[in-house]
Protein backbone atom coordinates (compact mmCIF):
# COMPACT_ATOMS: atom_id res chain seq x y z
CA MET A 1 -27.29 79.30 24.54
CA LYS A 2 -26.68 76.72 27.22
CA GLN A 3 -29.86 74.91 26.23
CA LYS A 4 -28.57 74.74 22.66
CA GLU A 5 -25.18 73.42 23.79
CA ASN A 6 -26.85 70.79 25.98
CA ALA A 7 -29.05 69.72 23.08
CA MET A 8 -25.98 69.43 20.84
CA ARG A 9 -24.16 67.31 23.48
CA LYS A 10 -27.15 64.95 23.72
CA LEU A 11 -27.31 64.69 19.96
CA ASN A 12 -23.58 63.93 19.70
CA ARG A 13 -23.84 61.31 22.47
CA ARG A 14 -26.81 59.73 20.74
CA SER A 15 -25.04 59.83 17.40
CA SER A 16 -21.88 58.34 18.93
CA SER A 17 -23.93 55.63 20.61
CA HIS A 18 -25.62 54.79 17.32
CA SER A 19 -22.21 54.69 15.60
CA LEU A 20 -20.85 52.30 18.23
CA THR A 21 -23.94 50.14 17.88
CA ARG A 22 -23.54 50.01 14.11
CA ARG A 23 -19.83 49.14 14.46
CA ALA A 24 -20.62 46.45 17.03
CA ALA A 25 -23.33 45.00 14.82
CA ALA A 26 -21.00 45.05 11.83
CA ALA A 27 -18.31 43.32 13.88
CA LEU A 28 -20.77 40.66 15.05
CA ILE A 29 -22.00 40.09 11.50
CA ALA A 30 -18.41 39.85 10.26
CA ALA A 31 -17.59 37.38 13.03
CA ALA A 32 -20.65 35.32 12.20
CA VAL A 33 -19.72 35.29 8.52
CA THR A 34 -16.15 34.32 9.38
CA LEU A 35 -17.30 31.47 11.61
CA SER A 36 -19.81 30.33 9.02
CA THR A 37 -17.18 30.45 6.28
CA SER A 38 -14.67 28.59 8.45
CA ALA A 39 -17.23 25.93 9.30
CA ALA A 40 -18.14 25.54 5.65
CA ALA A 41 -14.47 25.28 4.68
CA PHE A 42 -13.88 22.68 7.39
CA ALA A 43 -16.87 20.68 6.23
CA ALA A 44 -15.66 20.89 2.64
CA ASP A 45 -12.19 19.76 3.66
CA THR A 46 -13.47 16.75 5.61
CA ILE A 47 -13.95 14.43 2.66
CA VAL A 48 -15.26 10.97 3.51
CA LEU A 49 -14.46 8.08 1.18
CA ARG A 50 -16.74 5.07 1.54
CA VAL A 51 -14.60 2.09 0.60
CA GLY A 52 -15.64 -1.54 0.15
CA ASP A 53 -13.21 -4.21 1.28
CA GLN A 54 -12.86 -7.91 2.07
CA LYS A 55 -11.20 -9.43 5.12
CA GLY A 56 -7.46 -9.30 4.67
CA GLY A 57 -7.85 -6.93 1.71
CA ASN A 58 -6.88 -3.34 1.03
CA ARG A 59 -7.52 -2.01 4.52
CA SER A 60 -5.15 -4.47 6.14
CA LEU A 61 -2.61 -3.93 3.33
CA LEU A 62 -2.58 -0.18 4.01
CA GLU A 63 -2.36 -0.66 7.77
CA ILE A 64 0.35 -3.33 7.68
CA SER A 65 2.48 -1.27 5.28
CA GLY A 66 2.06 1.87 7.41
CA LEU A 67 0.37 3.78 4.60
CA ALA A 68 -2.95 4.25 6.42
CA LYS A 69 -1.46 7.07 8.50
CA ASP A 70 -1.96 10.83 8.08
CA LEU A 71 -4.83 10.60 5.65
CA PRO A 72 -6.04 14.05 4.48
CA TYR A 73 -9.56 12.62 4.38
CA LYS A 74 -11.58 10.05 6.28
CA ILE A 75 -12.21 6.48 5.11
CA GLU A 76 -15.36 4.63 6.11
CA TRP A 77 -14.57 0.96 5.49
CA SER A 78 -17.29 -1.61 4.83
CA GLU A 79 -16.35 -5.29 4.77
CA PHE A 80 -18.01 -7.69 2.33
CA PRO A 81 -17.66 -11.47 1.85
CA ALA A 82 -16.89 -11.14 -1.88
CA ALA A 83 -16.36 -8.65 -4.69
CA ALA A 84 -19.86 -8.97 -6.21
CA PRO A 85 -21.70 -7.20 -3.35
CA ILE A 86 -19.00 -4.49 -3.37
CA LEU A 87 -19.86 -3.74 -6.99
CA GLU A 88 -23.57 -3.79 -6.18
CA ALA A 89 -23.02 -1.27 -3.39
CA ILE A 90 -21.01 1.06 -5.64
CA ASN A 91 -23.69 0.79 -8.30
CA ALA A 92 -26.35 1.66 -5.71
CA GLY A 93 -24.40 4.71 -4.52
CA ALA A 94 -23.65 3.24 -1.09
CA LEU A 95 -19.88 3.09 -1.73
CA ASP A 96 -17.39 5.31 -3.53
CA VAL A 97 -14.55 2.85 -4.15
CA GLY A 98 -13.99 -0.91 -4.16
CA TYR A 99 -12.06 -3.60 -5.99
CA THR A 100 -12.89 -6.64 -8.09
CA GLY A 101 -11.65 -8.94 -10.81
CA ASP A 102 -11.60 -7.61 -14.34
CA LEU A 103 -14.44 -9.74 -15.72
CA SER A 104 -16.70 -9.23 -12.70
CA PHE A 105 -16.21 -5.50 -13.19
CA LEU A 106 -17.06 -5.73 -16.89
CA THR A 107 -20.18 -7.77 -16.14
CA VAL A 108 -21.54 -5.03 -13.88
CA TYR A 109 -20.38 -2.24 -16.20
CA ALA A 110 -22.15 -3.95 -19.11
CA ALA A 111 -25.39 -3.77 -17.12
CA GLY A 112 -25.13 0.01 -17.08
CA ALA A 113 -23.53 0.68 -13.69
CA PRO A 114 -22.08 4.23 -13.41
CA ILE A 115 -18.58 3.04 -12.53
CA LYS A 116 -15.04 3.16 -13.90
CA ALA A 117 -11.86 1.15 -13.37
CA ILE A 118 -9.28 3.66 -12.15
CA GLY A 119 -6.32 1.50 -11.10
CA GLY A 120 -5.45 -2.06 -10.27
CA THR A 121 -3.01 -4.90 -9.86
CA ARG A 122 -1.85 -7.85 -11.90
CA SER A 123 -1.05 -11.33 -10.54
CA ASP A 124 0.70 -14.27 -12.18
CA ALA A 125 -1.93 -15.90 -14.41
CA ARG A 126 -0.89 -19.35 -13.21
CA THR A 127 -2.52 -18.57 -9.88
CA GLN A 128 -5.89 -18.84 -11.65
CA ALA A 129 -6.25 -22.60 -11.69
CA ILE A 130 -8.58 -25.54 -12.15
CA LEU A 131 -8.32 -27.98 -9.26
CA VAL A 132 -9.32 -31.63 -8.83
CA ARG A 133 -9.21 -33.91 -5.82
CA GLY A 134 -5.98 -35.73 -5.16
CA ASP A 135 -7.60 -39.07 -6.03
CA SER A 136 -9.31 -37.82 -9.19
CA PRO A 137 -8.70 -39.71 -12.46
CA ILE A 138 -8.50 -36.33 -14.24
CA LYS A 139 -4.88 -35.71 -15.20
CA SER A 140 -5.04 -32.90 -17.76
CA ALA A 141 -7.28 -30.27 -19.32
CA ALA A 142 -8.32 -32.76 -22.01
CA ASP A 143 -9.87 -34.95 -19.30
CA LEU A 144 -12.28 -32.17 -18.31
CA LYS A 145 -14.53 -32.97 -21.29
CA GLY A 146 -17.93 -34.17 -20.11
CA LYS A 147 -17.21 -33.33 -16.47
CA ARG A 148 -19.08 -31.15 -13.97
CA LEU A 149 -16.97 -28.01 -13.47
CA ALA A 150 -17.61 -25.35 -10.83
CA GLY A 151 -16.65 -21.68 -10.79
CA THR A 152 -17.99 -18.19 -10.20
CA ARG A 153 -20.54 -17.03 -12.76
CA GLY A 154 -19.52 -13.95 -14.72
CA GLY A 155 -15.93 -13.91 -13.46
CA TRP A 156 -12.56 -15.60 -13.64
CA GLY A 157 -13.94 -19.05 -12.77
CA GLN A 158 -16.42 -19.29 -15.62
CA PHE A 159 -14.01 -17.66 -18.06
CA LEU A 160 -11.13 -20.01 -17.20
CA ILE A 161 -13.32 -23.08 -17.63
CA ASN A 162 -14.45 -21.94 -21.06
CA ALA A 163 -10.97 -20.88 -22.18
CA THR A 164 -9.37 -24.11 -20.92
CA LEU A 165 -11.90 -26.32 -22.71
CA GLU A 166 -11.46 -24.31 -25.89
CA LYS A 167 -7.67 -24.63 -25.70
CA ALA A 168 -7.99 -28.39 -25.17
CA GLY A 169 -10.13 -28.72 -28.29
CA SER A 170 -13.38 -29.42 -26.47
CA LYS A 171 -16.66 -27.67 -27.07
CA ILE A 172 -17.98 -25.65 -24.19
CA GLU A 173 -21.25 -27.56 -24.33
CA GLU A 174 -19.38 -30.81 -23.73
CA ALA A 175 -19.01 -30.07 -20.03
CA THR A 176 -21.46 -28.97 -17.34
CA PHE A 177 -20.87 -25.62 -15.67
CA ALA A 178 -21.90 -25.40 -12.01
CA PRO A 179 -22.08 -21.75 -10.86
CA LEU A 180 -20.77 -21.91 -7.31
CA GLY A 181 -18.93 -19.48 -5.07
CA PRO A 182 -15.60 -20.52 -3.51
CA VAL A 183 -17.00 -21.81 -0.20
CA ASP A 184 -19.70 -23.99 -1.78
CA ALA A 185 -17.38 -25.17 -4.56
CA LYS A 186 -14.72 -26.25 -2.06
CA ILE A 187 -17.27 -28.33 -0.15
CA ALA A 188 -18.64 -29.81 -3.36
CA LEU A 189 -15.18 -30.78 -4.61
CA LEU A 190 -14.23 -32.51 -1.37
CA ALA A 191 -17.59 -34.31 -1.36
CA GLY A 192 -17.15 -35.45 -4.94
CA SER A 193 -20.32 -33.78 -6.24
CA ILE A 194 -18.28 -31.81 -8.78
CA ASP A 195 -15.25 -33.00 -10.74
CA ALA A 196 -13.18 -29.81 -10.86
CA TRP A 197 -13.13 -26.28 -9.50
CA ALA A 198 -11.83 -23.10 -11.16
CA VAL A 199 -10.58 -20.65 -8.53
CA TRP A 200 -7.85 -18.20 -7.50
CA GLU A 201 -5.49 -17.54 -4.61
CA PRO A 202 -5.42 -18.06 -1.68
CA TYR A 203 -7.95 -20.85 -2.35
CA VAL A 204 -5.50 -22.58 -4.71
CA SER A 205 -2.71 -22.71 -2.12
CA TYR A 206 -5.11 -23.77 0.64
CA ALA A 207 -6.56 -26.59 -1.46
CA THR A 208 -3.18 -27.89 -2.58
CA LEU A 209 -1.46 -27.58 0.80
CA LYS A 210 -4.29 -28.60 3.14
CA ASP A 211 -6.77 -30.61 1.05
CA LYS A 212 -4.25 -32.40 -1.22
CA ALA A 213 -5.97 -31.05 -4.34
CA ARG A 214 -4.11 -30.99 -7.67
CA VAL A 215 -3.85 -28.34 -10.38
CA VAL A 216 -4.75 -29.71 -13.83
CA ALA A 217 -4.84 -26.40 -15.72
CA ASP A 218 -4.08 -22.73 -15.11
CA GLY A 219 -4.69 -19.36 -16.65
CA GLU A 220 -1.30 -18.75 -18.25
CA GLY A 221 -1.90 -17.22 -21.66
CA LEU A 222 -5.66 -17.28 -21.08
CA THR A 223 -6.63 -14.69 -18.48
CA PRO A 224 -5.40 -11.12 -17.79
CA THR A 225 -5.57 -11.82 -14.04
CA ILE A 226 -6.16 -8.16 -13.25
CA THR A 227 -7.93 -6.85 -10.19
CA PHE A 228 -9.35 -3.39 -10.74
CA ILE A 229 -9.78 -0.56 -8.27
CA VAL A 230 -13.25 0.69 -9.13
CA ALA A 231 -14.90 4.02 -8.34
CA SER A 232 -18.34 5.45 -8.98
CA ASP A 233 -18.64 8.22 -11.54
CA ASN A 234 -19.97 10.46 -8.76
CA ALA A 235 -16.92 9.87 -6.53
CA ILE A 236 -14.60 10.55 -9.46
CA ALA A 237 -16.39 13.85 -10.05
CA THR A 238 -16.78 15.03 -6.45
CA LYS A 239 -13.97 13.39 -4.45
CA ARG A 240 -11.23 13.17 -7.05
CA ALA A 241 -8.27 14.27 -4.91
CA ALA A 242 -9.10 11.78 -2.17
CA VAL A 243 -9.66 8.96 -4.66
CA GLN A 244 -6.35 9.81 -6.35
CA ASP A 245 -4.52 9.72 -3.02
CA LEU A 246 -6.05 6.35 -2.13
CA VAL A 247 -4.97 4.83 -5.46
CA GLN A 248 -1.42 6.08 -4.94
CA ARG A 249 -1.30 4.71 -1.39
CA LEU A 250 -2.58 1.31 -2.52
CA ASN A 251 0.06 1.19 -5.25
CA LYS A 252 2.82 2.01 -2.77
CA ALA A 253 1.46 -0.53 -0.28
CA ARG A 254 1.40 -3.23 -2.94
CA LEU A 255 5.04 -2.54 -3.84
CA TRP A 256 5.90 -2.68 -0.14
CA SER A 257 4.25 -6.11 0.14
CA LEU A 258 6.45 -7.53 -2.63
CA ASP A 259 9.52 -6.73 -0.54
CA HIS A 260 7.97 -7.97 2.73
CA LEU A 261 6.07 -11.13 1.79
CA ALA A 262 6.73 -12.95 5.07
CA GLU A 263 5.68 -9.97 7.21
CA TYR A 264 2.63 -9.38 5.05
CA ALA A 265 1.60 -13.03 5.27
CA ARG A 266 2.14 -13.16 9.05
CA ASN A 267 0.07 -10.05 9.74
CA THR A 268 -2.70 -11.00 7.32
CA ALA A 269 -2.87 -14.47 8.91
CA GLU A 270 -3.56 -12.84 12.27
CA LEU A 271 -6.40 -10.82 10.77
CA THR A 272 -8.02 -13.49 8.61
CA LYS A 273 -7.21 -16.60 10.70
CA LEU A 274 -5.98 -18.28 7.52
CA PRO A 275 -2.83 -20.39 7.84
CA GLU A 276 0.32 -18.32 7.47
CA ASP A 277 1.97 -20.91 5.21
CA VAL A 278 -1.02 -20.77 2.86
CA LEU A 279 -0.87 -17.00 2.60
CA LEU A 280 2.90 -16.96 2.11
CA ALA A 281 2.58 -19.55 -0.67
CA ALA A 282 -0.23 -17.55 -2.28
CA TYR A 283 1.57 -14.21 -2.11
CA THR A 284 4.80 -15.73 -3.40
CA ALA A 285 3.03 -17.31 -6.35
CA GLN A 286 0.88 -14.30 -7.21
CA LYS A 287 3.63 -11.66 -7.32
CA THR A 288 0.80 -9.11 -7.27
CA SER A 289 2.02 -5.78 -8.64
CA PRO A 290 0.29 -2.44 -9.26
CA ILE A 291 -0.44 -1.48 -12.86
CA ALA A 292 -1.07 1.70 -14.75
CA ILE A 293 -4.19 1.58 -16.89
CA ASP A 294 -2.52 2.27 -20.22
CA GLU A 295 -3.19 1.35 -23.83
CA ALA A 296 -1.63 -2.11 -23.44
CA VAL A 297 -3.87 -2.98 -20.49
CA VAL A 298 -6.96 -1.69 -22.29
CA LYS A 299 -6.15 -3.84 -25.36
CA GLU A 300 -5.52 -6.92 -23.21
CA VAL A 301 -8.75 -6.54 -21.28
CA GLN A 302 -10.60 -5.76 -24.52
CA ALA A 303 -9.45 -9.10 -25.95
CA ALA A 304 -10.62 -10.91 -22.80
CA SER A 305 -13.90 -9.00 -22.91
CA ASP A 306 -14.51 -10.06 -26.53
CA ARG A 307 -13.83 -13.70 -25.62
CA ALA A 308 -16.17 -13.42 -22.65
CA THR A 309 -18.88 -12.17 -25.01
CA CYS A 310 -18.29 -15.18 -27.26
CA TYR A 311 -18.56 -17.46 -24.22
CA GLY A 312 -21.86 -15.85 -23.22
CA ILE A 313 -20.42 -14.46 -19.98
CA LEU A 314 -21.01 -10.90 -21.19
CA GLY A 315 -24.30 -10.14 -22.87
CA LYS A 316 -22.88 -7.66 -25.35
CA THR A 317 -19.63 -6.42 -26.88
CA LEU A 318 -18.05 -3.65 -24.81
CA ASP A 319 -15.69 -0.79 -25.55
CA VAL A 320 -13.27 -1.24 -22.66
CA SER A 321 -11.68 2.16 -23.26
CA LYS A 322 -14.94 3.74 -22.09
CA ALA A 323 -15.04 1.58 -18.95
CA VAL A 324 -11.76 2.93 -17.57
CA ASP A 325 -10.39 6.26 -16.41
CA ARG A 326 -6.68 6.32 -17.22
CA SER A 327 -6.00 9.67 -15.55
CA PHE A 328 -5.56 8.22 -12.05
CA THR A 329 -2.50 6.18 -13.06
CA ALA A 330 -1.40 8.13 -16.16
CA SER A 331 1.64 9.64 -14.44
CA ALA A 332 2.07 7.02 -11.74
CA SER A 333 5.51 5.64 -11.01
CA LEU A 334 5.01 1.95 -10.28
CA ASN A 335 8.63 0.86 -10.17
């Protein structure tokens, strides 16, 4: 009898030990699953937006306005010398978001880039201007006929030259277009190797204030003067909440800048090393305000796109409504 009882005790102890082992293993597995799940959730929550910028651009605007704080995601900023390489990087999948002029965006979109305009700003069209040297005999747009005119290819510069000549009654072929970026065009104008230069702010204010250049024509009634926030289709699909938040912050920062032009100019001057008076003049003239991408904006850009096709800037007619995603600013309050 005692042998049987001892055998039963051993069996119970063994059974209890096995039960504890199973419970411990289950607990360890549960803990491992919990840790794994938590790690996965943390990784999923840590969204990284790769954003293209230019010196004194959106990054500094967010920081100066105080809207770069408490981001629910991480931004990896990459600085570029111009908008064109930003678009190239988005097209190549190296960036999620960037910004560029309306026609530069359409040029890249027309080439098949998987991108959309999701927000943007509008500036006073008169800040798109054609400049001549202070001692130039050119006094008006009519005098541009037969002259050598520089501007960016596929963007505002080339468009403004074509539109200005057309408005003045000249044929586009009656002038020579020199495709030059702002730095080279500025040097060429001062050297006298070109007759006029189509450009935007802050180059206009710098040239008129520091180089004694004169404005002979501007973009009023000719150009939309819209700068688009652009995102890749992949970022729109996979990082939508972060992209939406960034658009909203940029809109708020832009509204802040309109009420703090002097502070904005002073801080941007420190970052860019551009003269503060030039930046203040540029910002005051531009009156850059955020826009919602609505039906009116689509129609306006469509009209500019059609003219750009006629000018040969765009290789084909585009449906602008398919190049934009209105949902990011559909319910935005921009006032």
